[in-house]
All heavy atoms as atom14 arrays in JSON, in Angstrom:
{
  "sequence": "STEYARRLGVERPVRIDAISTVTPTFPNTVLDMPNISTDASTAVAAPE",
  "atom14_mask": [
    [1, 1, 1, 1, 1, 1, 0, 0, 0, 0, 0, 0, 0, 0],
    [1, 1, 1, 1, 1, 1, 1, 0, 0, 0, 0, 0, 0, 0],
    [1, 1, 1, 1, 1, 1, 1, 1, 1, 0, 0, 0, 0, 0],
    [1, 1, 1, 1, 1, 1, 1, 1, 1, 1, 1, 1, 0, 0],
    [1, 1, 1, 1, 1, 0, 0, 0, 0, 0, 0, 0, 0, 0],
    [1, 1, 1, 1, 1, 1, 1, 1, 1, 1, 1, 0, 0, 0],
    [1, 1, 1, 1, 1, 1, 1, 1, 1, 1, 1, 0, 0, 0],
    [1, 1, 1, 1, 1, 1, 1, 1, 0, 0, 0, 0, 0, 0],
    [1, 1, 1, 1, 0, 0, 0, 0, 0, 0, 0, 0, 0, 0],
    [1, 1, 1, 1, 1, 1, 1, 0, 0, 0, 0, 0, 0, 0],
    [1, 1, 1, 1, 1, 1, 1, 1, 1, 0, 0, 0, 0, 0],
    [1, 1, 1, 1, 1, 1, 1, 1, 1, 1, 1, 0, 0, 0],
    [1, 1, 1, 1, 1, 1, 1, 0, 0, 0, 0, 0, 0, 0],
    [1, 1, 1, 1, 1, 1, 1, 0, 0, 0, 0, 0, 0, 0],
    [1, 1, 1, 1, 1, 1, 1, 1, 1, 1, 1, 0, 0, 0],
    [1, 1, 1, 1, 1, 1, 1, 1, 0, 0, 0, 0, 0, 0],
    [1, 1, 1, 1, 1, 1, 1, 1, 0, 0, 0, 0, 0, 0],
    [1, 1, 1, 1, 1, 0, 0, 0, 0, 0, 0, 0, 0, 0],
    [1, 1, 1, 1, 1, 1, 1, 1, 0, 0, 0, 0, 0, 0],
    [1, 1, 1, 1, 1, 1, 0, 0, 0, 0, 0, 0, 0, 0],
    [1, 1, 1, 1, 1, 1, 1, 0, 0, 0, 0, 0, 0, 0],
    [1, 1, 1, 1, 1, 1, 1, 0, 0, 0, 0, 0, 0, 0],
    [1, 1, 1, 1, 1, 1, 1, 0, 0, 0, 0, 0, 0, 0],
    [1, 1, 1, 1, 1, 1, 1, 0, 0, 0, 0, 0, 0, 0],
    [1, 1, 1, 1, 1, 1, 1, 0, 0, 0, 0, 0, 0, 0],
    [1, 1, 1, 1, 1, 1, 1, 1, 1, 1, 1, 0, 0, 0],
    [1, 1, 1, 1, 1, 1, 1, 0, 0, 0, 0, 0, 0, 0],
    [1, 1, 1, 1, 1, 1, 1, 1, 0, 0, 0, 0, 0, 0],
    [1, 1, 1, 1, 1, 1, 1, 0, 0, 0, 0, 0, 0, 0],
    [1, 1, 1, 1, 1, 1, 1, 0, 0, 0, 0, 0, 0, 0],
    [1, 1, 1, 1, 1, 1, 1, 1, 0, 0, 0, 0, 0, 0],
    [1, 1, 1, 1, 1, 1, 1, 1, 0, 0, 0, 0, 0, 0],
    [1, 1, 1, 1, 1, 1, 1, 1, 0, 0, 0, 0, 0, 0],
    [1, 1, 1, 1, 1, 1, 1, 0, 0, 0, 0, 0, 0, 0],
    [1, 1, 1, 1, 1, 1, 1, 1, 0, 0, 0, 0, 0, 0],
    [1, 1, 1, 1, 1, 1, 1, 1, 0, 0, 0, 0, 0, 0],
    [1, 1, 1, 1, 1, 1, 0, 0, 0, 0, 0, 0, 0, 0],
    [1, 1, 1, 1, 1, 1, 1, 0, 0, 0, 0, 0, 0, 0],
    [1, 1, 1, 1, 1, 1, 1, 1, 0, 0, 0, 0, 0, 0],
    [1, 1, 1, 1, 1, 0, 0, 0, 0, 0, 0, 0, 0, 0],
    [1, 1, 1, 1, 1, 1, 0, 0, 0, 0, 0, 0, 0, 0],
    [1, 1, 1, 1, 1, 1, 1, 0, 0, 0, 0, 0, 0, 0],
    [1, 1, 1, 1, 1, 0, 0, 0, 0, 0, 0, 0, 0, 0],
    [1, 1, 1, 1, 1, 1, 1, 0, 0, 0, 0, 0, 0, 0],
    [1, 1, 1, 1, 1, 0, 0, 0, 0, 0, 0, 0, 0, 0],
    [1, 1, 1, 1, 1, 0, 0, 0, 0, 0, 0, 0, 0, 0],
    [1, 1, 1, 1, 1, 1, 1, 0, 0, 0, 0, 0, 0, 0],
    [1, 1, 1, 1, 1, 1, 1, 1, 1, 0, 0, 0, 0, 0]
  ],
  "atom14_positions": [
    [[15.68, 175.08, 13.1], [16.25, 173.84, 12.58], [15.03, 172.86, 12.37], [14.05, 172.89, 13.01], [17.27, 173.21, 13.5], [16.55, 172.77, 14.68], [0.0, 0.0, 0.0], [0.0, 0.0, 0.0], [0.0, 0.0, 0.0], [0.0, 0.0, 0.0], [0.0, 0.0, 0.0], [0.0, 0.0, 0.0], [0.0, 0.0, 0.0], [0.0, 0.0, 0.0]],
    [[15.19, 172.0, 11.32], [14.1, 171.0, 10.99], [14.03, 170.12, 12.22], [12.95, 169.52, 12.42], [14.42, 170.24, 9.75], [15.75, 169.81, 9.75], [14.2, 171.19, 8.63], [0.0, 0.0, 0.0], [0.0, 0.0, 0.0], [0.0, 0.0, 0.0], [0.0, 0.0, 0.0], [0.0, 0.0, 0.0], [0.0, 0.0, 0.0], [0.0, 0.0, 0.0]],
    [[15.0, 169.89, 13.01], [15.07, 168.94, 14.19], [14.07, 169.57, 15.19], [13.23, 168.97, 15.81], [16.38, 168.68, 14.67], [16.44, 167.98, 16.09], [15.74, 166.64, 16.01], [15.82, 165.95, 14.96], [15.21, 166.28, 17.08], [0.0, 0.0, 0.0], [0.0, 0.0, 0.0], [0.0, 0.0, 0.0], [0.0, 0.0, 0.0], [0.0, 0.0, 0.0]],
    [[14.3, 170.83, 15.37], [13.39, 171.62, 16.4], [11.96, 171.58, 15.84], [11.01, 171.34, 16.69], [13.8, 173.06, 16.43], [13.01, 173.82, 17.45], [13.36, 173.91, 18.84], [11.86, 174.54, 17.07], [12.56, 174.59, 19.7], [11.08, 175.24, 18.01], [11.45, 175.24, 19.32], [10.67, 176.01, 20.2], [0.0, 0.0, 0.0], [0.0, 0.0, 0.0]],
    [[11.72, 171.69, 14.53], [10.3, 171.66, 13.96], [9.77, 170.28, 14.26], [8.5, 170.14, 14.64], [10.43, 171.86, 12.52], [0.0, 0.0, 0.0], [0.0, 0.0, 0.0], [0.0, 0.0, 0.0], [0.0, 0.0, 0.0], [0.0, 0.0, 0.0], [0.0, 0.0, 0.0], [0.0, 0.0, 0.0], [0.0, 0.0, 0.0], [0.0, 0.0, 0.0]],
    [[10.51, 169.2, 14.14], [10.0, 167.84, 14.53], [9.62, 167.69, 15.99], [8.6, 167.1, 16.29], [10.98, 166.71, 14.04], [10.95, 166.39, 12.61], [11.73, 165.1, 12.33], [13.16, 165.3, 12.65], [14.11, 165.77, 11.82], [13.71, 166.13, 10.58], [15.28, 165.8, 12.19], [0.0, 0.0, 0.0], [0.0, 0.0, 0.0], [0.0, 0.0, 0.0]],
    [[10.47, 168.24, 16.76], [10.13, 168.23, 18.2], [8.93, 168.93, 18.55], [8.19, 168.64, 19.44], [11.3, 168.75, 19.08], [12.68, 167.88, 18.95], [13.6, 168.16, 20.12], [13.89, 169.58, 20.37], [14.85, 170.17, 19.87], [15.75, 169.54, 19.01], [15.08, 171.46, 20.13], [0.0, 0.0, 0.0], [0.0, 0.0, 0.0], [0.0, 0.0, 0.0]],
    [[8.61, 169.91, 17.73], [7.4, 170.79, 17.94], [6.26, 170.11, 17.36], [5.1, 170.53, 17.54], [7.65, 172.17, 17.28], [6.69, 173.29, 17.71], [6.93, 173.58, 19.2], [6.97, 174.51, 16.83], [0.0, 0.0, 0.0], [0.0, 0.0, 0.0], [0.0, 0.0, 0.0], [0.0, 0.0, 0.0], [0.0, 0.0, 0.0], [0.0, 0.0, 0.0]],
    [[6.52, 169.0, 16.6], [5.32, 168.24, 16.01], [4.96, 168.7, 14.58], [3.95, 168.26, 14.07], [0.0, 0.0, 0.0], [0.0, 0.0, 0.0], [0.0, 0.0, 0.0], [0.0, 0.0, 0.0], [0.0, 0.0, 0.0], [0.0, 0.0, 0.0], [0.0, 0.0, 0.0], [0.0, 0.0, 0.0], [0.0, 0.0, 0.0], [0.0, 0.0, 0.0]],
    [[5.85, 169.46, 14.0], [5.65, 169.98, 12.62], [6.42, 169.03, 11.63], [7.66, 169.2, 11.59], [6.11, 171.47, 12.41], [5.89, 171.89, 10.95], [5.49, 172.31, 13.46], [0.0, 0.0, 0.0], [0.0, 0.0, 0.0], [0.0, 0.0, 0.0], [0.0, 0.0, 0.0], [0.0, 0.0, 0.0], [0.0, 0.0, 0.0], [0.0, 0.0, 0.0]],
    [[5.71, 168.18, 10.95], [6.28, 167.16, 10.18], [6.66, 167.49, 8.74], [7.61, 167.07, 8.19], [5.5, 165.87, 10.12], [5.24, 165.24, 11.5], [6.62, 164.67, 12.13], [7.55, 164.31, 11.32], [6.69, 164.62, 13.28], [0.0, 0.0, 0.0], [0.0, 0.0, 0.0], [0.0, 0.0, 0.0], [0.0, 0.0, 0.0], [0.0, 0.0, 0.0]],
    [[5.96, 168.46, 8.28], [6.09, 169.03, 6.89], [6.06, 170.45, 6.73], [5.13, 171.05, 6.27], [5.02, 168.35, 5.99], [5.28, 168.44, 4.53], [4.36, 167.47, 3.69], [4.58, 167.65, 2.32], [3.74, 168.43, 1.58], [2.8, 169.05, 2.12], [3.92, 168.5, 0.19], [0.0, 0.0, 0.0], [0.0, 0.0, 0.0], [0.0, 0.0, 0.0]],
    [[7.07, 171.1, 7.35], [7.05, 172.57, 7.31], [7.49, 173.14, 6.04], [8.04, 172.5, 5.2], [8.17, 172.87, 8.43], [9.1, 171.84, 8.29], [8.27, 170.61, 7.99], [0.0, 0.0, 0.0], [0.0, 0.0, 0.0], [0.0, 0.0, 0.0], [0.0, 0.0, 0.0], [0.0, 0.0, 0.0], [0.0, 0.0, 0.0], [0.0, 0.0, 0.0]],
    [[7.18, 174.39, 5.78], [7.71, 175.14, 4.7], [9.18, 175.26, 4.9], [9.72, 175.57, 6.09], [7.09, 176.54, 4.65], [7.89, 177.37, 3.62], [5.65, 176.41, 4.28], [0.0, 0.0, 0.0], [0.0, 0.0, 0.0], [0.0, 0.0, 0.0], [0.0, 0.0, 0.0], [0.0, 0.0, 0.0], [0.0, 0.0, 0.0], [0.0, 0.0, 0.0]],
    [[10.06, 175.04, 3.98], [11.49, 175.04, 4.11], [12.08, 176.04, 3.26], [11.6, 176.36, 2.23], [12.06, 173.63, 3.66], [11.48, 172.46, 4.44], [11.95, 171.23, 3.76], [13.44, 170.99, 3.8], [14.07, 170.25, 4.62], [13.46, 169.6, 5.65], [15.38, 170.23, 4.57], [0.0, 0.0, 0.0], [0.0, 0.0, 0.0], [0.0, 0.0, 0.0]],
    [[13.21, 176.67, 3.78], [14.01, 177.62, 3.03], [15.03, 176.76, 2.25], [16.0, 176.26, 2.79], [14.7, 178.61, 3.9], [13.67, 179.39, 4.65], [15.61, 179.52, 3.06], [14.32, 180.4, 5.71], [0.0, 0.0, 0.0], [0.0, 0.0, 0.0], [0.0, 0.0, 0.0], [0.0, 0.0, 0.0], [0.0, 0.0, 0.0], [0.0, 0.0, 0.0]],
    [[14.89, 176.75, 0.92], [15.84, 175.98, 0.03], [16.99, 176.79, -0.37], [18.02, 176.19, -0.72], [15.1, 175.44, -1.18], [14.05, 174.31, -0.67], [14.32, 173.64, 0.3], [13.02, 174.19, -1.39], [0.0, 0.0, 0.0], [0.0, 0.0, 0.0], [0.0, 0.0, 0.0], [0.0, 0.0, 0.0], [0.0, 0.0, 0.0], [0.0, 0.0, 0.0]],
    [[16.88, 178.12, -0.46], [17.95, 178.92, -0.91], [17.78, 180.41, -0.64], [16.53, 180.81, -0.61], [18.12, 178.76, -2.48], [0.0, 0.0, 0.0], [0.0, 0.0, 0.0], [0.0, 0.0, 0.0], [0.0, 0.0, 0.0], [0.0, 0.0, 0.0], [0.0, 0.0, 0.0], [0.0, 0.0, 0.0], [0.0, 0.0, 0.0], [0.0, 0.0, 0.0]],
    [[18.8, 181.13, -0.3], [18.77, 182.55, -0.27], [19.85, 183.09, -1.05], [21.08, 182.74, -0.65], [18.82, 183.02, 1.25], [17.62, 182.56, 2.05], [18.81, 184.55, 1.23], [17.64, 182.86, 3.5], [0.0, 0.0, 0.0], [0.0, 0.0, 0.0], [0.0, 0.0, 0.0], [0.0, 0.0, 0.0], [0.0, 0.0, 0.0], [0.0, 0.0, 0.0]],
    [[19.7, 183.85, -2.05], [20.81, 184.45, -2.82], [20.9, 185.94, -2.49], [19.97, 186.6, -2.47], [20.43, 184.27, -4.36], [21.2, 185.08, -5.19], [0.0, 0.0, 0.0], [0.0, 0.0, 0.0], [0.0, 0.0, 0.0], [0.0, 0.0, 0.0], [0.0, 0.0, 0.0], [0.0, 0.0, 0.0], [0.0, 0.0, 0.0], [0.0, 0.0, 0.0]],
    [[22.09, 186.27, -2.24], [22.44, 187.78, -2.03], [23.64, 188.12, -2.84], [24.64, 188.84, -2.33], [22.6, 188.03, -0.51], [23.68, 187.22, 0.0], [21.33, 187.82, 0.26], [0.0, 0.0, 0.0], [0.0, 0.0, 0.0], [0.0, 0.0, 0.0], [0.0, 0.0, 0.0], [0.0, 0.0, 0.0], [0.0, 0.0, 0.0], [0.0, 0.0, 0.0]],
    [[23.86, 187.6, -4.05], [24.98, 187.8, -4.79], [25.18, 189.24, -5.22], [24.16, 190.0, -5.32], [25.11, 186.86, -6.03], [25.11, 185.36, -5.59], [23.9, 187.03, -7.02], [0.0, 0.0, 0.0], [0.0, 0.0, 0.0], [0.0, 0.0, 0.0], [0.0, 0.0, 0.0], [0.0, 0.0, 0.0], [0.0, 0.0, 0.0], [0.0, 0.0, 0.0]],
    [[26.36, 189.57, -5.54], [26.67, 190.92, -6.09], [26.91, 190.9, -7.58], [27.0, 189.78, -8.18], [27.93, 191.5, -5.43], [28.99, 190.66, -5.59], [27.72, 191.71, -3.96], [0.0, 0.0, 0.0], [0.0, 0.0, 0.0], [0.0, 0.0, 0.0], [0.0, 0.0, 0.0], [0.0, 0.0, 0.0], [0.0, 0.0, 0.0], [0.0, 0.0, 0.0]],
    [[26.94, 192.05, -8.28], [27.17, 192.1, -9.7], [28.6, 191.48, -10.08], [29.5, 191.46, -9.15], [27.11, 193.51, -10.09], [26.3, 194.18, -9.04], [26.67, 193.41, -7.77], [0.0, 0.0, 0.0], [0.0, 0.0, 0.0], [0.0, 0.0, 0.0], [0.0, 0.0, 0.0], [0.0, 0.0, 0.0], [0.0, 0.0, 0.0], [0.0, 0.0, 0.0]],
    [[28.74, 191.08, -11.23], [30.03, 190.73, -11.76], [30.56, 191.72, -12.69], [29.73, 192.23, -13.5], [29.95, 189.35, -12.53], [29.44, 188.35, -11.63], [31.25, 188.94, -13.12], [0.0, 0.0, 0.0], [0.0, 0.0, 0.0], [0.0, 0.0, 0.0], [0.0, 0.0, 0.0], [0.0, 0.0, 0.0], [0.0, 0.0, 0.0], [0.0, 0.0, 0.0]],
    [[31.82, 192.15, -12.67], [32.31, 193.22, -13.43], [32.49, 192.64, -14.89], [32.89, 191.62, -15.08], [33.73, 193.69, -12.89], [34.26, 194.78, -13.75], [34.08, 196.03, -13.46], [35.22, 194.45, -14.73], [34.65, 197.09, -14.16], [35.82, 195.44, -15.5], [35.46, 196.79, -15.23], [0.0, 0.0, 0.0], [0.0, 0.0, 0.0], [0.0, 0.0, 0.0]],
    [[32.12, 193.52, -15.96], [31.65, 194.79, -15.81], [30.01, 194.77, -15.73], [29.45, 194.01, -16.5], [32.06, 195.45, -17.13], [32.12, 194.31, -18.06], [32.59, 193.07, -17.24], [0.0, 0.0, 0.0], [0.0, 0.0, 0.0], [0.0, 0.0, 0.0], [0.0, 0.0, 0.0], [0.0, 0.0, 0.0], [0.0, 0.0, 0.0], [0.0, 0.0, 0.0]],
    [[29.47, 195.55, -14.82], [28.08, 195.69, -14.73], [27.57, 196.76, -15.64], [27.66, 197.95, -15.41], [27.68, 196.03, -13.26], [26.19, 196.01, -13.01], [25.38, 195.49, -13.87], [25.74, 196.61, -11.87], [0.0, 0.0, 0.0], [0.0, 0.0, 0.0], [0.0, 0.0, 0.0], [0.0, 0.0, 0.0], [0.0, 0.0, 0.0], [0.0, 0.0, 0.0]],
    [[27.02, 196.34, -16.81], [26.75, 197.25, -17.87], [25.22, 197.74, -17.96], [24.88, 198.41, -18.89], [27.04, 196.46, -19.26], [26.23, 195.36, -19.4], [28.53, 196.1, -19.34], [0.0, 0.0, 0.0], [0.0, 0.0, 0.0], [0.0, 0.0, 0.0], [0.0, 0.0, 0.0], [0.0, 0.0, 0.0], [0.0, 0.0, 0.0], [0.0, 0.0, 0.0]],
    [[24.43, 197.37, -16.97], [23.09, 197.79, -16.86], [23.03, 198.83, -15.73], [23.46, 198.52, -14.57], [22.07, 196.67, -16.67], [20.64, 197.15, -16.53], [22.16, 195.62, -17.77], [0.0, 0.0, 0.0], [0.0, 0.0, 0.0], [0.0, 0.0, 0.0], [0.0, 0.0, 0.0], [0.0, 0.0, 0.0], [0.0, 0.0, 0.0], [0.0, 0.0, 0.0]],
    [[22.5, 199.99, -16.01], [22.39, 201.04, -15.04], [21.55, 200.58, -13.78], [20.36, 200.17, -13.95], [21.87, 202.36, -15.55], [21.93, 203.56, -14.68], [23.27, 203.97, -14.36], [21.1, 204.61, -15.34], [0.0, 0.0, 0.0], [0.0, 0.0, 0.0], [0.0, 0.0, 0.0], [0.0, 0.0, 0.0], [0.0, 0.0, 0.0], [0.0, 0.0, 0.0]],
    [[22.14, 200.69, -12.6], [21.38, 200.39, -11.4], [21.26, 201.59, -10.48], [22.29, 202.31, -10.29], [22.05, 199.21, -10.53], [21.85, 197.88, -11.29], [20.86, 197.68, -11.88], [22.78, 197.03, -11.14], [0.0, 0.0, 0.0], [0.0, 0.0, 0.0], [0.0, 0.0, 0.0], [0.0, 0.0, 0.0], [0.0, 0.0, 0.0], [0.0, 0.0, 0.0]],
    [[20.2, 201.86, -9.97], [20.0, 202.96, -8.95], [20.85, 202.63, -7.78], [20.94, 201.49, -7.33], [18.56, 202.95, -8.61], [18.07, 204.05, -7.63], [16.26, 204.13, -7.42], [16.02, 202.7, -6.46], [0.0, 0.0, 0.0], [0.0, 0.0, 0.0], [0.0, 0.0, 0.0], [0.0, 0.0, 0.0], [0.0, 0.0, 0.0], [0.0, 0.0, 0.0]],
    [[21.69, 203.59, -7.26], [21.58, 205.07, -7.48], [22.66, 205.54, -8.37], [22.98, 206.72, -8.31], [21.72, 205.59, -6.06], [22.83, 204.68, -5.5], [22.42, 203.3, -6.06], [0.0, 0.0, 0.0], [0.0, 0.0, 0.0], [0.0, 0.0, 0.0], [0.0, 0.0, 0.0], [0.0, 0.0, 0.0], [0.0, 0.0, 0.0], [0.0, 0.0, 0.0]],
    [[23.35, 204.64, -9.12], [24.51, 205.07, -9.83], [24.12, 205.88, -11.08], [22.91, 205.84, -11.56], [25.33, 203.79, -10.44], [25.84, 203.03, -9.24], [26.37, 203.61, -8.26], [25.74, 201.71, -9.3], [0.0, 0.0, 0.0], [0.0, 0.0, 0.0], [0.0, 0.0, 0.0], [0.0, 0.0, 0.0], [0.0, 0.0, 0.0], [0.0, 0.0, 0.0]],
    [[24.98, 206.68, -11.64], [24.67, 207.56, -12.75], [25.58, 207.15, -13.91], [25.6, 207.93, -14.95], [24.83, 209.08, -12.42], [26.22, 209.34, -11.81], [23.8, 209.49, -11.47], [26.47, 210.85, -11.56], [0.0, 0.0, 0.0], [0.0, 0.0, 0.0], [0.0, 0.0, 0.0], [0.0, 0.0, 0.0], [0.0, 0.0, 0.0], [0.0, 0.0, 0.0]],
    [[26.2, 205.96, -13.85], [26.96, 205.44, -15.01], [27.06, 203.94, -14.87], [26.79, 203.46, -13.8], [28.32, 206.11, -15.15], [29.11, 205.83, -14.02], [0.0, 0.0, 0.0], [0.0, 0.0, 0.0], [0.0, 0.0, 0.0], [0.0, 0.0, 0.0], [0.0, 0.0, 0.0], [0.0, 0.0, 0.0], [0.0, 0.0, 0.0], [0.0, 0.0, 0.0]],
    [[27.54, 203.27, -15.89], [27.78, 201.82, -15.81], [29.21, 201.57, -15.99], [30.03, 202.5, -16.32], [26.98, 201.08, -16.87], [27.45, 201.45, -18.16], [25.52, 201.44, -16.9], [0.0, 0.0, 0.0], [0.0, 0.0, 0.0], [0.0, 0.0, 0.0], [0.0, 0.0, 0.0], [0.0, 0.0, 0.0], [0.0, 0.0, 0.0], [0.0, 0.0, 0.0]],
    [[29.63, 200.34, -15.8], [31.03, 199.86, -16.14], [31.22, 199.79, -17.58], [30.17, 199.44, -18.32], [31.32, 198.52, -15.43], [31.24, 198.54, -14.01], [31.55, 199.55, -13.39], [30.79, 197.5, -13.36], [0.0, 0.0, 0.0], [0.0, 0.0, 0.0], [0.0, 0.0, 0.0], [0.0, 0.0, 0.0], [0.0, 0.0, 0.0], [0.0, 0.0, 0.0]],
    [[32.44, 199.97, -18.09], [32.64, 199.88, -19.53], [32.96, 198.37, -19.76], [33.62, 197.76, -19.1], [33.92, 200.81, -19.89], [0.0, 0.0, 0.0], [0.0, 0.0, 0.0], [0.0, 0.0, 0.0], [0.0, 0.0, 0.0], [0.0, 0.0, 0.0], [0.0, 0.0, 0.0], [0.0, 0.0, 0.0], [0.0, 0.0, 0.0], [0.0, 0.0, 0.0]],
    [[32.68, 197.99, -20.99], [32.94, 196.6, -21.43], [33.81, 196.53, -22.56], [33.87, 195.63, -23.35], [31.6, 195.91, -21.72], [30.94, 196.53, -22.79], [0.0, 0.0, 0.0], [0.0, 0.0, 0.0], [0.0, 0.0, 0.0], [0.0, 0.0, 0.0], [0.0, 0.0, 0.0], [0.0, 0.0, 0.0], [0.0, 0.0, 0.0], [0.0, 0.0, 0.0]],
    [[34.7, 197.58, -22.73], [35.58, 197.63, -23.88], [36.82, 196.74, -23.6], [37.25, 196.05, -24.57], [36.19, 199.11, -24.08], [36.59, 199.54, -22.8], [35.02, 199.96, -24.6], [0.0, 0.0, 0.0], [0.0, 0.0, 0.0], [0.0, 0.0, 0.0], [0.0, 0.0, 0.0], [0.0, 0.0, 0.0], [0.0, 0.0, 0.0], [0.0, 0.0, 0.0]],
    [[37.31, 196.63, -22.45], [38.48, 195.79, -22.22], [38.05, 194.32, -21.74], [38.74, 193.47, -21.92], [39.37, 196.46, -21.15], [0.0, 0.0, 0.0], [0.0, 0.0, 0.0], [0.0, 0.0, 0.0], [0.0, 0.0, 0.0], [0.0, 0.0, 0.0], [0.0, 0.0, 0.0], [0.0, 0.0, 0.0], [0.0, 0.0, 0.0], [0.0, 0.0, 0.0]],
    [[36.9, 194.37, -20.98], [36.43, 193.09, -20.44], [35.03, 192.82, -20.93], [34.26, 193.71, -20.75], [36.51, 193.0, -18.9], [36.0, 191.75, -18.33], [37.88, 193.33, -18.32], [0.0, 0.0, 0.0], [0.0, 0.0, 0.0], [0.0, 0.0, 0.0], [0.0, 0.0, 0.0], [0.0, 0.0, 0.0], [0.0, 0.0, 0.0], [0.0, 0.0, 0.0]],
    [[34.77, 191.67, -21.43], [33.45, 191.46, -21.93], [32.37, 191.43, -20.9], [32.74, 191.01, -19.71], [33.41, 190.11, -22.72], [0.0, 0.0, 0.0], [0.0, 0.0, 0.0], [0.0, 0.0, 0.0], [0.0, 0.0, 0.0], [0.0, 0.0, 0.0], [0.0, 0.0, 0.0], [0.0, 0.0, 0.0], [0.0, 0.0, 0.0], [0.0, 0.0, 0.0]],
    [[31.21, 191.78, -21.16], [30.12, 191.77, -20.19], [29.86, 190.34, -19.74], [29.93, 189.39, -20.62], [28.81, 192.37, -20.83], [0.0, 0.0, 0.0], [0.0, 0.0, 0.0], [0.0, 0.0, 0.0], [0.0, 0.0, 0.0], [0.0, 0.0, 0.0], [0.0, 0.0, 0.0], [0.0, 0.0, 0.0], [0.0, 0.0, 0.0], [0.0, 0.0, 0.0]],
    [[29.46, 190.14, -18.51], [29.17, 188.71, -18.07], [28.02, 188.09, -18.8], [27.15, 188.87, -19.38], [28.92, 188.85, -16.6], [28.48, 190.27, -16.42], [29.25, 191.06, -17.43], [0.0, 0.0, 0.0], [0.0, 0.0, 0.0], [0.0, 0.0, 0.0], [0.0, 0.0, 0.0], [0.0, 0.0, 0.0], [0.0, 0.0, 0.0], [0.0, 0.0, 0.0]],
    [[27.91, 186.76, -18.77], [26.81, 186.13, -19.47], [25.44, 186.44, -18.8], [24.59, 186.59, -19.46], [27.07, 184.62, -19.31], [26.11, 183.71, -20.07], [26.31, 182.27, -20.01], [27.49, 181.92, -19.86], [25.38, 181.47, -20.13], [0.0, 0.0, 0.0], [0.0, 0.0, 0.0], [0.0, 0.0, 0.0], [0.0, 0.0, 0.0], [0.0, 0.0, 0.0]]
  ]
}
């Protein structure tokens, strides 16, 4: 915690501002390892 960092005397530490671990949005139309096919976008448009 930044509070612990201050108690340690670190006034300007490197900070974690974001961590993203999002998953694909259907339909995932770009082939990703280890899959051997993609989702179809005929019924649902590909995400932005």
